[in-house]
Amino acid sequence: MQQGGQTVSNLGRVKVLDKKESSNTYKKVKTWPISDLKVVDCHQDAAELDFKFDRQIFKWVVVNTADKRPFILSLYRVSVVINSIIVEILHIEFV
């Protein structure tokens, strides 16, 4: 993908999608390089997640709390493999 004369890869990017209620279609709302993600606060025993970037905090809510741990673990692994950067993960155990 070309953007402003530079090649931009979708690999290692955080994407926020918005689902239309009337159909099963999604629209991309925002994207960030995963390297911009600094901290993920998992709010132990809650459905909330806070994604902290350099200047912004985005609050997300998971639909199924059982899926929260595998999602965060995947996000952590991608940050290490793609960027060799370790995102700080708060309030969750991976053991």
C-alpha atoms as a PDB file:
ATOM      1  CA  MET A   1       0.000   0.000   0.000  1.00  0.00           C
ATOM      2  CA  GLN A   2       1.382   3.433  -0.886  1.00  0.00           C
ATOM      3  CA  GLN A   3       0.783   6.377   1.393  1.00  0.00           C
ATOM      4  CA  GLY A   4       2.438   9.730   0.823  1.00  0.00           C
ATOM      5  CA  GLY A   5       5.171   8.159  -1.304  1.00  0.00           C
ATOM      6  CA  GLN A   6       5.977   5.573   1.382  1.00  0.00           C
ATOM      7  CA  THR A   7       5.122   1.898   1.464  1.00  0.00           C
ATOM      8  CA  VAL A   8       2.941   1.056   4.448  1.00  0.00           C
ATOM      9  CA  SER A   9       2.535  -2.539   5.594  1.00  0.00           C
ATOM     10  CA  ASN A  10      -0.653  -3.739   7.294  1.00  0.00           C
ATOM     11  CA  LEU A  11       1.427  -6.245   9.249  1.00  0.00           C
ATOM     12  CA  GLY A  12       1.906  -5.071  12.818  1.00  0.00           C
ATOM     13  CA  ARG A  13      -0.919  -2.530  12.827  1.00  0.00           C
ATOM     14  CA  VAL A  14      -3.762  -2.154  15.307  1.00  0.00           C
ATOM     15  CA  LYS A  15      -7.087  -1.791  13.473  1.00  0.00           C
ATOM     16  CA  VAL A  16     -10.364  -0.603  14.952  1.00  0.00           C
ATOM     17  CA  LEU A  17     -13.428  -1.794  13.057  1.00  0.00           C
ATOM     18  CA  ASP A  18     -17.002  -0.626  13.500  1.00  0.00           C
ATOM     19  CA  LYS A  19     -19.754  -3.156  12.790  1.00  0.00           C
ATOM     20  CA  LYS A  20     -22.977  -1.931  11.243  1.00  0.00           C
ATOM     21  CA  GLU A  21     -25.923  -3.196  13.258  1.00  0.00           C
ATOM     22  CA  SER A  22     -28.116  -3.729  10.214  1.00  0.00           C
ATOM     23  CA  SER A  23     -25.681  -6.112   8.516  1.00  0.00           C
ATOM     24  CA  ASN A  24     -22.538  -8.153   9.059  1.00  0.00           C
ATOM     25  CA  THR A  25     -20.286  -5.586   7.409  1.00  0.00           C
ATOM     26  CA  TYR A  26     -17.398  -3.776   9.056  1.00  0.00           C
ATOM     27  CA  LYS A  27     -15.847  -0.396   8.377  1.00  0.00           C
ATOM     28  CA  LYS A  28     -12.274   0.472   9.310  1.00  0.00           C
ATOM     29  CA  VAL A  29     -12.319   3.417  11.718  1.00  0.00           C
ATOM     30  CA  LYS A  30      -8.665   3.841  12.751  1.00  0.00           C
ATOM     31  CA  THR A  31      -5.294   2.129  12.437  1.00  0.00           C
ATOM     32  CA  TRP A  32      -2.004   2.565  14.275  1.00  0.00           C
ATOM     33  CA  PRO A  33       1.392   0.912  14.045  1.00  0.00           C
ATOM     34  CA  ILE A  34       1.611  -1.583  16.903  1.00  0.00           C
ATOM     35  CA  SER A  35       4.919   0.054  17.841  1.00  0.00           C
ATOM     36  CA  ASP A  36       2.886   3.098  19.007  1.00  0.00           C
ATOM     37  CA  LEU A  37       1.062   0.963  21.581  1.00  0.00           C
ATOM     38  CA  LYS A  38       2.750   1.437  24.975  1.00  0.00           C
ATOM     39  CA  VAL A  39       0.517  -0.152  27.632  1.00  0.00           C
ATOM     40  CA  VAL A  40      -2.534  -2.422  27.751  1.00  0.00           C
ATOM     41  CA  ASP A  41      -4.435  -2.279  31.049  1.00  0.00           C
ATOM     42  CA  CYS A  42      -6.607  -5.386  31.307  1.00  0.00           C
ATOM     43  CA  HIS A  43      -8.617  -4.417  34.421  1.00  0.00           C
ATOM     44  CA  GLN A  44      -8.500  -7.756  36.228  1.00  0.00           C
ATOM     45  CA  ASP A  45     -11.829  -9.649  36.288  1.00  0.00           C
ATOM     46  CA  ALA A  46     -13.549  -7.066  34.086  1.00  0.00           C
ATOM     47  CA  ALA A  47     -14.490  -6.806  30.407  1.00  0.00           C
ATOM     48  CA  GLU A  48     -12.692  -3.475  29.927  1.00  0.00           C
ATOM     49  CA  LEU A  49      -9.345  -2.936  28.212  1.00  0.00           C
ATOM     50  CA  ASP A  50      -7.403   0.330  28.040  1.00  0.00           C
ATOM     51  CA  PHE A  51      -5.010   0.716  25.118  1.00  0.00           C
ATOM     52  CA  LYS A  52      -2.523   3.492  25.892  1.00  0.00           C
ATOM     53  CA  PHE A  53      -0.682   5.092  23.002  1.00  0.00           C
ATOM     54  CA  ASP A  54       1.707   8.047  23.155  1.00  0.00           C
ATOM     55  CA  ARG A  55      -0.997  10.704  23.446  1.00  0.00           C
ATOM     56  CA  GLN A  56      -4.284   8.796  23.603  1.00  0.00           C
ATOM     57  CA  ILE A  57      -6.074   6.150  25.614  1.00  0.00           C
ATOM     58  CA  PHE A  58      -8.736   4.041  23.930  1.00  0.00           C
ATOM     59  CA  LYS A  59     -11.181   2.117  26.092  1.00  0.00           C
ATOM     60  CA  TRP A  60     -12.500  -1.140  24.673  1.00  0.00           C
ATOM     61  CA  VAL A  61     -14.931  -3.681  26.075  1.00  0.00           C
ATOM     62  CA  VAL A  62     -14.708  -7.360  25.204  1.00  0.00           C
ATOM     63  CA  VAL A  63     -17.943  -9.211  24.513  1.00  0.00           C
ATOM     64  CA  ASN A  64     -16.688 -12.474  25.966  1.00  0.00           C
ATOM     65  CA  THR A  65     -14.272 -12.218  28.922  1.00  0.00           C
ATOM     66  CA  ALA A  66     -13.012 -15.744  28.204  1.00  0.00           C
ATOM     67  CA  ASP A  67     -11.558 -14.419  24.925  1.00  0.00           C
ATOM     68  CA  LYS A  68      -9.722 -11.540  26.606  1.00  0.00           C
ATOM     69  CA  ARG A  69      -6.612 -13.484  27.708  1.00  0.00           C
ATOM     70  CA  PRO A  70      -5.954 -15.199  24.303  1.00  0.00           C
ATOM     71  CA  PHE A  71      -6.455 -11.862  22.511  1.00  0.00           C
ATOM     72  CA  ILE A  72      -4.000 -10.038  24.789  1.00  0.00           C
ATOM     73  CA  LEU A  73      -1.471 -12.868  24.529  1.00  0.00           C
ATOM     74  CA  SER A  74      -1.682 -12.723  20.717  1.00  0.00           C
ATOM     75  CA  LEU A  75      -1.271  -8.952  20.750  1.00  0.00           C
ATOM     76  CA  TYR A  76       1.761  -9.293  23.014  1.00  0.00           C
ATOM     77  CA  ARG A  77       3.361 -11.923  20.767  1.00  0.00           C
ATOM     78  CA  VAL A  78       2.792  -9.822  17.647  1.00  0.00           C
ATOM     79  CA  SER A  79       4.398  -6.800  19.307  1.00  0.00           C
ATOM     80  CA  VAL A  80       7.492  -8.864  20.131  1.00  0.00           C
ATOM     81  CA  VAL A  81       7.771 -10.717  16.800  1.00  0.00           C
ATOM     82  CA  ILE A  82       6.946  -7.839  14.461  1.00  0.00           C
ATOM     83  CA  ASN A  83       8.598  -4.961  16.285  1.00  0.00           C
ATOM     84  CA  SER A  84      10.906  -6.540  18.867  1.00  0.00           C
ATOM     85  CA  ILE A  85       9.085  -4.247  21.285  1.00  0.00           C
ATOM     86  CA  ILE A  86       7.504  -5.465  24.482  1.00  0.00           C
ATOM     87  CA  VAL A  87       4.153  -3.817  25.192  1.00  0.00           C
ATOM     88  CA  GLU A  88       3.526  -3.447  28.915  1.00  0.00           C
ATOM     89  CA  ILE A  89       0.532  -5.580  29.935  1.00  0.00           C
ATOM     90  CA  LEU A  90      -1.123  -4.729  33.263  1.00  0.00           C
ATOM     91  CA  HIS A  91      -3.473  -6.788  35.457  1.00  0.00           C
ATOM     92  CA  ILE A  92      -3.354 -10.142  33.677  1.00  0.00           C
ATOM     93  CA  GLU A  93      -1.402 -13.364  34.274  1.00  0.00           C
ATOM     94  CA  PHE A  94      -0.095 -15.436  31.370  1.00  0.00           C
ATOM     95  CA  VAL A  95       0.878 -18.475  33.480  1.00  0.00           C
END
